[in-house]
Amino acid sequence: MDKVLLGGNAQLDATFSYIAINSPVTSPNTDGFDIAHSSNILIEDSYIKSGDDCIALNGGSFFVNATGVTCGPGHGI
């Protein structure tokens, strides 16, 4: 998987478990998770390798929880 994009229409009560995102380190603008206008999002027990943000939180997002996530390289959360 290259990335997960949540946004546009509201995303509610979503859980992502055991996700592996493996983008080339040298690739620009490759956020692992790009979350906008979403609530009650859980990302757990996952591995994110990206050339940009591992998890990007954008406007309109709240109650987003990340636990047991290995992130890097990249810019973090």
Protein backbone atom coordinates (compact mmCIF):
# COMPACT_ATOMS: atom_id res chain seq x y z
CA MET A 1 0.00 0.00 0.00
CA ASP A 2 1.35 3.44 -0.88
CA LYS A 3 -0.89 5.72 1.19
CA VAL A 4 -4.25 6.15 2.91
CA LEU A 5 -6.22 9.34 2.25
CA LEU A 6 -9.19 10.27 4.42
CA GLY A 7 -11.10 13.41 3.57
CA GLY A 8 -13.52 15.00 1.18
CA ASN A 9 -16.61 13.52 2.79
CA ALA A 10 -16.47 13.09 6.55
CA GLN A 11 -14.97 9.83 7.75
CA LEU A 12 -16.32 8.65 11.09
CA ASP A 13 -15.36 5.77 13.39
CA ALA A 14 -12.67 4.10 11.26
CA THR A 15 -10.01 1.68 12.52
CA PHE A 16 -6.85 0.77 10.61
CA SER A 17 -4.95 -2.20 12.04
CA TYR A 18 -1.83 -3.99 10.81
CA ILE A 19 -1.35 -1.64 7.85
CA ALA A 20 2.03 -1.62 6.08
CA ILE A 21 2.83 1.44 3.99
CA ASN A 22 6.15 1.31 2.19
CA SER A 23 6.86 4.32 -0.04
CA PRO A 24 10.35 5.15 -1.32
CA VAL A 25 12.23 7.41 1.09
CA THR A 26 13.20 9.71 -1.77
CA SER A 27 9.63 10.22 -2.98
CA PRO A 28 8.22 13.68 -2.16
CA ASN A 29 4.67 14.28 -0.93
CA THR A 30 4.05 10.69 0.08
CA ASP A 31 2.23 10.98 3.40
CA GLY A 32 1.41 7.59 4.85
CA PHE A 33 -1.96 8.65 6.28
CA ASP A 34 -3.39 12.01 5.21
CA ILE A 35 -6.40 12.70 7.43
CA ALA A 36 -8.85 15.59 6.97
CA HIS A 37 -12.44 16.22 8.11
CA SER A 38 -12.48 12.95 10.06
CA SER A 39 -13.25 11.90 13.61
CA ASN A 40 -12.84 8.85 15.83
CA ILE A 41 -9.98 7.44 13.76
CA LEU A 42 -7.71 4.72 15.21
CA ILE A 43 -4.44 3.69 13.58
CA GLU A 44 -2.86 0.77 15.44
CA ASP A 45 -0.10 -1.80 15.15
CA SER A 46 1.06 -0.50 11.77
CA TYR A 47 4.31 0.26 9.93
CA ILE A 48 4.67 3.46 7.90
CA LYS A 49 7.69 4.23 5.72
CA SER A 50 7.33 7.37 3.63
CA GLY A 51 9.23 10.24 2.07
CA ASP A 52 7.00 12.80 3.80
CA ASP A 53 4.74 12.72 6.88
CA CYS A 54 3.92 9.35 8.40
CA ILE A 55 0.58 10.67 9.63
CA ALA A 56 -0.62 14.12 8.55
CA LEU A 57 -3.54 15.64 10.48
CA ASN A 58 -5.40 18.37 8.63
CA GLY A 59 -8.30 20.68 9.40
CA GLY A 60 -11.57 19.32 10.67
CA SER A 61 -10.02 16.22 12.27
CA PHE A 62 -10.46 15.27 15.90
CA PHE A 63 -10.24 12.22 18.16
CA VAL A 64 -7.46 10.65 16.08
CA ASN A 65 -5.41 8.04 17.97
CA ALA A 66 -2.23 6.32 16.80
CA THR A 67 -0.83 3.51 18.96
CA GLY A 68 1.80 0.88 18.27
CA VAL A 69 2.81 2.64 15.04
CA THR A 70 6.37 2.40 13.72
CA CYS A 71 7.12 5.54 11.76
CA GLY A 72 10.19 6.41 9.75
CA PRO A 73 12.04 7.57 7.96
CA GLY A 74 10.05 10.63 7.10
CA HIS A 75 8.85 13.66 8.99
CA GLY A 76 6.94 11.88 11.73
CA ILE A 77 3.42 12.68 12.81
